[in-house]
Amino acid sequence: MAIPTPSDGPSPVREAPGRRVLPQYGQFLLVGLTGVVVNLIVFSLALGALTGRPTLDLAGSLTFTSTHAGVDVRATLLASVIAFAVATAWNFVLNNAWTFRTRGTHQHGTRARLGLYYVVSLGSLGINELVLYLLVFLVPPLWGQGAGIVAGSVVGFFGNRRVTFAPASRGT
């Protein structure tokens, strides 16, 4: 397989290298924003179900306090994992249909892309969980979850761009 040179012209799948990164990252962030909403709603509902306390009170949840007596760390982290699973499926559908849609073909089929999307997203989840764990006693859980989501977005974008939604090789 020959290495593409600048004289080969643009790939049939992508525009000139680097030109689509910023608009594509903007699309990824917009999809991610909808995923944040899904994540936070599912997180709040799951946390409420796990602790027996309703948590969808956004005004109370968004109030900054430095102490949280009775925080159930395990329930908070489990609710985060549940929210991650649901929001990741949501984001995959939107990113597959819009953000990383190409005129050509992808290196992997849809099922493989879904699996890879979850694998890449696990890296983002690891960052999310670390940030949430570090912040859980300093800010309300919903704030910590939001900060964790933001921290993992860059890893998610570049991992998915390079692995999950990689274009098919020219020879295929």
C-alpha atoms as a PDB file:
ATOM      1  CA  MET A   1       0.000   0.000   0.000  1.00  0.00           C
ATOM      2  CA  ALA A   2       1.436   3.336  -1.037  1.00  0.00           C
ATOM      3  CA  ILE A   3       1.683   6.198   1.393  1.00  0.00           C
ATOM      4  CA  PRO A   4      -0.521   9.088   0.222  1.00  0.00           C
ATOM      5  CA  THR A   5       1.336  12.181  -0.893  1.00  0.00           C
ATOM      6  CA  PRO A   6       0.023  15.731  -1.195  1.00  0.00           C
ATOM      7  CA  SER A   7      -0.235  15.246  -4.973  1.00  0.00           C
ATOM      8  CA  ASP A   8      -2.694  12.376  -4.475  1.00  0.00           C
ATOM      9  CA  GLY A   9      -5.426  14.923  -3.691  1.00  0.00           C
ATOM     10  CA  PRO A  10      -7.941  14.733  -0.887  1.00  0.00           C
ATOM     11  CA  SER A  11      -9.157  11.382   0.406  1.00  0.00           C
ATOM     12  CA  PRO A  12     -12.537  10.291  -0.940  1.00  0.00           C
ATOM     13  CA  VAL A  13     -13.722  10.097   2.666  1.00  0.00           C
ATOM     14  CA  ARG A  14     -12.349  13.310   4.169  1.00  0.00           C
ATOM     15  CA  GLU A  15     -11.645  16.798   3.028  1.00  0.00           C
ATOM     16  CA  ALA A  16      -8.093  18.150   3.185  1.00  0.00           C
ATOM     17  CA  PRO A  17      -6.353  16.982   6.384  1.00  0.00           C
ATOM     18  CA  GLY A  18      -7.111  19.166   9.373  1.00  0.00           C
ATOM     19  CA  ARG A  19      -9.750  21.289   7.652  1.00  0.00           C
ATOM     20  CA  ARG A  20     -12.715  19.457   9.160  1.00  0.00           C
ATOM     21  CA  VAL A  21     -11.345  19.016  12.674  1.00  0.00           C
ATOM     22  CA  LEU A  22     -12.802  22.200  14.174  1.00  0.00           C
ATOM     23  CA  PRO A  23     -16.255  22.013  12.571  1.00  0.00           C
ATOM     24  CA  GLN A  24     -16.366  18.295  13.350  1.00  0.00           C
ATOM     25  CA  TYR A  25     -15.326  18.934  16.951  1.00  0.00           C
ATOM     26  CA  GLY A  26     -18.120  21.515  17.141  1.00  0.00           C
ATOM     27  CA  GLN A  27     -20.600  18.890  15.952  1.00  0.00           C
ATOM     28  CA  PHE A  28     -19.153  16.405  18.463  1.00  0.00           C
ATOM     29  CA  LEU A  29     -19.586  18.951  21.259  1.00  0.00           C
ATOM     30  CA  LEU A  30     -23.165  19.701  20.198  1.00  0.00           C
ATOM     31  CA  VAL A  31     -23.998  15.986  20.236  1.00  0.00           C
ATOM     32  CA  GLY A  32     -22.162  15.784  23.549  1.00  0.00           C
ATOM     33  CA  LEU A  33     -24.292  18.596  24.933  1.00  0.00           C
ATOM     34  CA  THR A  34     -27.435  16.604  24.216  1.00  0.00           C
ATOM     35  CA  GLY A  35     -25.667  13.625  25.785  1.00  0.00           C
ATOM     36  CA  VAL A  36     -24.904  15.698  28.890  1.00  0.00           C
ATOM     37  CA  VAL A  37     -28.605  16.426  29.287  1.00  0.00           C
ATOM     38  CA  VAL A  38     -29.423  12.724  28.897  1.00  0.00           C
ATOM     39  CA  ASN A  39     -26.556  11.803  31.253  1.00  0.00           C
ATOM     40  CA  LEU A  40     -27.580  14.231  33.987  1.00  0.00           C
ATOM     41  CA  ILE A  41     -31.258  13.244  33.853  1.00  0.00           C
ATOM     42  CA  VAL A  42     -30.435   9.531  33.965  1.00  0.00           C
ATOM     43  CA  PHE A  43     -27.797  10.186  36.675  1.00  0.00           C
ATOM     44  CA  SER A  44     -30.329  12.054  38.809  1.00  0.00           C
ATOM     45  CA  LEU A  45     -33.025   9.416  38.349  1.00  0.00           C
ATOM     46  CA  ALA A  46     -30.612   6.530  39.002  1.00  0.00           C
ATOM     47  CA  LEU A  47     -29.158   8.229  42.082  1.00  0.00           C
ATOM     48  CA  GLY A  48     -32.669   8.810  43.389  1.00  0.00           C
ATOM     49  CA  ALA A  49     -33.600   5.176  42.783  1.00  0.00           C
ATOM     50  CA  LEU A  50     -30.405   3.887  44.425  1.00  0.00           C
ATOM     51  CA  THR A  51     -30.632   6.100  47.502  1.00  0.00           C
ATOM     52  CA  GLY A  52     -34.400   6.333  47.854  1.00  0.00           C
ATOM     53  CA  ARG A  53     -34.201  10.128  47.719  1.00  0.00           C
ATOM     54  CA  PRO A  54     -35.467  12.165  44.776  1.00  0.00           C
ATOM     55  CA  THR A  55     -32.585  14.063  43.174  1.00  0.00           C
ATOM     56  CA  LEU A  56     -34.103  15.736  40.130  1.00  0.00           C
ATOM     57  CA  ASP A  57     -34.523  18.966  42.111  1.00  0.00           C
ATOM     58  CA  LEU A  58     -32.179  21.017  39.941  1.00  0.00           C
ATOM     59  CA  ALA A  59     -32.354  24.130  42.102  1.00  0.00           C
ATOM     60  CA  GLY A  60     -31.329  22.207  45.212  1.00  0.00           C
ATOM     61  CA  SER A  61     -28.795  20.068  43.355  1.00  0.00           C
ATOM     62  CA  LEU A  62     -27.093  23.085  41.826  1.00  0.00           C
ATOM     63  CA  THR A  63     -26.716  24.953  45.100  1.00  0.00           C
ATOM     64  CA  PHE A  64     -23.056  25.113  46.073  1.00  0.00           C
ATOM     65  CA  THR A  65     -22.246  23.791  49.523  1.00  0.00           C
ATOM     66  CA  SER A  66     -18.915  22.621  50.843  1.00  0.00           C
ATOM     67  CA  THR A  67     -20.232  19.709  52.897  1.00  0.00           C
ATOM     68  CA  HIS A  68     -22.507  16.873  51.965  1.00  0.00           C
ATOM     69  CA  ALA A  69     -23.452  14.872  55.022  1.00  0.00           C
ATOM     70  CA  GLY A  70     -24.647  11.410  54.139  1.00  0.00           C
ATOM     71  CA  VAL A  71     -23.253  11.320  50.580  1.00  0.00           C
ATOM     72  CA  ASP A  72     -23.442   7.733  49.360  1.00  0.00           C
ATOM     73  CA  VAL A  73     -20.270   7.567  47.270  1.00  0.00           C
ATOM     74  CA  ARG A  74     -20.976   4.064  45.930  1.00  0.00           C
ATOM     75  CA  ALA A  75     -24.497   5.002  44.825  1.00  0.00           C
ATOM     76  CA  THR A  76     -23.143   8.203  43.264  1.00  0.00           C
ATOM     77  CA  LEU A  77     -20.503   6.334  41.259  1.00  0.00           C
ATOM     78  CA  LEU A  78     -22.942   3.580  40.219  1.00  0.00           C
ATOM     79  CA  ALA A  79     -25.477   6.179  39.076  1.00  0.00           C
ATOM     80  CA  SER A  80     -22.703   7.745  37.031  1.00  0.00           C
ATOM     81  CA  VAL A  81     -21.941   4.429  35.303  1.00  0.00           C
ATOM     82  CA  ILE A  82     -25.627   3.883  34.493  1.00  0.00           C
ATOM     83  CA  ALA A  83     -25.888   7.419  33.117  1.00  0.00           C
ATOM     84  CA  PHE A  84     -22.725   6.828  31.081  1.00  0.00           C
ATOM     85  CA  ALA A  85     -24.123   3.685  29.441  1.00  0.00           C
ATOM     86  CA  VAL A  86     -27.365   5.355  28.394  1.00  0.00           C
ATOM     87  CA  ALA A  87     -25.767   8.620  27.243  1.00  0.00           C
ATOM     88  CA  THR A  88     -23.048   6.764  25.302  1.00  0.00           C
ATOM     89  CA  ALA A  89     -25.637   4.855  23.285  1.00  0.00           C
ATOM     90  CA  TRP A  90     -27.461   8.149  22.627  1.00  0.00           C
ATOM     91  CA  ASN A  91     -24.243   9.883  21.540  1.00  0.00           C
ATOM     92  CA  PHE A  92     -23.178   7.000  19.290  1.00  0.00           C
ATOM     93  CA  VAL A  93     -26.411   7.147  17.324  1.00  0.00           C
ATOM     94  CA  LEU A  94     -26.106  10.911  16.780  1.00  0.00           C
ATOM     95  CA  ASN A  95     -22.349  10.919  16.082  1.00  0.00           C
ATOM     96  CA  ASN A  96     -22.667   7.989  13.679  1.00  0.00           C
ATOM     97  CA  ALA A  97     -25.485   9.681  11.773  1.00  0.00           C
ATOM     98  CA  TRP A  98     -24.135  13.237  11.773  1.00  0.00           C
ATOM     99  CA  THR A  99     -20.705  14.085  13.225  1.00  0.00           C
ATOM    100  CA  PHE A 100     -18.623  11.356  11.609  1.00  0.00           C
ATOM    101  CA  ARG A 101     -20.842  10.692   8.595  1.00  0.00           C
ATOM    102  CA  THR A 102     -18.728  10.618   5.468  1.00  0.00           C
ATOM    103  CA  ARG A 103     -19.245  10.303   1.743  1.00  0.00           C
ATOM    104  CA  GLY A 104     -17.065   7.205   1.748  1.00  0.00           C
ATOM    105  CA  THR A 105     -17.006   4.176   3.969  1.00  0.00           C
ATOM    106  CA  HIS A 106     -15.696   3.587   7.452  1.00  0.00           C
ATOM    107  CA  GLN A 107     -12.990   1.091   8.276  1.00  0.00           C
ATOM    108  CA  HIS A 108     -15.396  -0.763  10.606  1.00  0.00           C
ATOM    109  CA  GLY A 109     -19.027  -1.878  10.283  1.00  0.00           C
ATOM    110  CA  THR A 110     -21.757  -0.372  12.464  1.00  0.00           C
ATOM    111  CA  ARG A 111     -21.604  -3.051  15.188  1.00  0.00           C
ATOM    112  CA  ALA A 112     -17.831  -2.819  15.405  1.00  0.00           C
ATOM    113  CA  ARG A 113     -18.069   0.993  15.555  1.00  0.00           C
ATOM    114  CA  LEU A 114     -20.565   0.730  18.422  1.00  0.00           C
ATOM    115  CA  GLY A 115     -18.185  -1.561  20.314  1.00  0.00           C
ATOM    116  CA  LEU A 116     -15.214   0.691  19.628  1.00  0.00           C
ATOM    117  CA  TYR A 117     -17.274   3.739  20.613  1.00  0.00           C
ATOM    118  CA  TYR A 118     -17.892   2.176  24.033  1.00  0.00           C
ATOM    119  CA  VAL A 119     -14.202   1.240  24.406  1.00  0.00           C
ATOM    120  CA  VAL A 120     -13.052   4.786  23.607  1.00  0.00           C
ATOM    121  CA  SER A 121     -15.793   6.141  25.834  1.00  0.00           C
ATOM    122  CA  LEU A 122     -14.496   4.012  28.727  1.00  0.00           C
ATOM    123  CA  GLY A 123     -11.391   6.222  28.689  1.00  0.00           C
ATOM    124  CA  SER A 124     -13.673   9.223  29.005  1.00  0.00           C
ATOM    125  CA  LEU A 125     -15.601   7.447  31.767  1.00  0.00           C
ATOM    126  CA  GLY A 126     -12.364   6.835  33.670  1.00  0.00           C
ATOM    127  CA  ILE A 127     -11.608  10.544  33.576  1.00  0.00           C
ATOM    128  CA  ASN A 128     -15.234  11.349  34.453  1.00  0.00           C
ATOM    129  CA  GLU A 129     -15.183   9.016  37.467  1.00  0.00           C
ATOM    130  CA  LEU A 130     -11.828  10.328  38.705  1.00  0.00           C
ATOM    131  CA  VAL A 131     -13.006  13.940  38.552  1.00  0.00           C
ATOM    132  CA  LEU A 132     -16.339  13.028  40.182  1.00  0.00           C
ATOM    133  CA  TYR A 133     -14.548  11.118  42.952  1.00  0.00           C
ATOM    134  CA  LEU A 134     -12.193  14.038  43.602  1.00  0.00           C
ATOM    135  CA  LEU A 135     -15.061  16.547  43.712  1.00  0.00           C
ATOM    136  CA  VAL A 136     -17.823  14.546  45.421  1.00  0.00           C
ATOM    137  CA  PHE A 137     -17.103  16.000  48.868  1.00  0.00           C
ATOM    138  CA  LEU A 138     -16.440  19.532  47.627  1.00  0.00           C
ATOM    139  CA  VAL A 139     -19.424  20.252  45.362  1.00  0.00           C
ATOM    140  CA  PRO A 140     -22.894  18.744  44.878  1.00  0.00           C
ATOM    141  CA  PRO A 141     -22.828  15.450  42.941  1.00  0.00           C
ATOM    142  CA  LEU A 142     -24.480  16.975  39.870  1.00  0.00           C
ATOM    143  CA  TRP A 143     -21.718  19.594  39.621  1.00  0.00           C
ATOM    144  CA  GLY A 144     -19.028  16.925  39.990  1.00  0.00           C
ATOM    145  CA  GLN A 145     -20.671  14.839  37.286  1.00  0.00           C
ATOM    146  CA  GLY A 146     -20.807  17.829  34.939  1.00  0.00           C
ATOM    147  CA  ALA A 147     -17.135  18.616  35.521  1.00  0.00           C
ATOM    148  CA  GLY A 148     -16.225  14.978  34.844  1.00  0.00           C
ATOM    149  CA  ILE A 149     -18.112  14.995  31.560  1.00  0.00           C
ATOM    150  CA  VAL A 150     -16.259  18.098  30.401  1.00  0.00           C
ATOM    151  CA  ALA A 151     -12.892  16.598  31.362  1.00  0.00           C
ATOM    152  CA  GLY A 152     -13.426  13.513  29.191  1.00  0.00           C
ATOM    153  CA  SER A 153     -14.699  15.205  26.020  1.00  0.00           C
ATOM    154  CA  VAL A 154     -11.345  15.769  24.305  1.00  0.00           C
ATOM    155  CA  VAL A 155     -10.224  12.163  24.818  1.00  0.00           C
ATOM    156  CA  GLY A 156     -13.556  10.979  23.453  1.00  0.00           C
ATOM    157  CA  PHE A 157     -13.412  13.136  20.333  1.00  0.00           C
ATOM    158  CA  PHE A 158      -9.907  12.287  19.200  1.00  0.00           C
ATOM    159  CA  GLY A 159     -10.210   8.611  20.134  1.00  0.00           C
ATOM    160  CA  ASN A 160     -13.420   8.249  18.190  1.00  0.00           C
ATOM    161  CA  ARG A 161     -12.164  10.283  15.253  1.00  0.00           C
ATOM    162  CA  ARG A 162      -9.015   8.157  14.910  1.00  0.00           C
ATOM    163  CA  VAL A 163     -10.318   4.729  15.908  1.00  0.00           C
ATOM    164  CA  THR A 164     -14.093   4.305  15.887  1.00  0.00           C
ATOM    165  CA  PHE A 165     -14.930   6.339  12.811  1.00  0.00           C
ATOM    166  CA  ALA A 166     -11.668   5.842  10.943  1.00  0.00           C
ATOM    167  CA  PRO A 167     -12.192   5.988   7.192  1.00  0.00           C
ATOM    168  CA  ALA A 168     -11.685   2.875   5.122  1.00  0.00           C
ATOM    169  CA  SER A 169      -8.222   2.551   3.589  1.00  0.00           C
ATOM    170  CA  ARG A 170      -7.895   3.692   0.017  1.00  0.00           C
ATOM    171  CA  GLY A 171      -7.215   0.156  -1.112  1.00  0.00           C
ATOM    172  CA  THR A 172     -10.484  -1.222   0.288  1.00  0.00           C
END
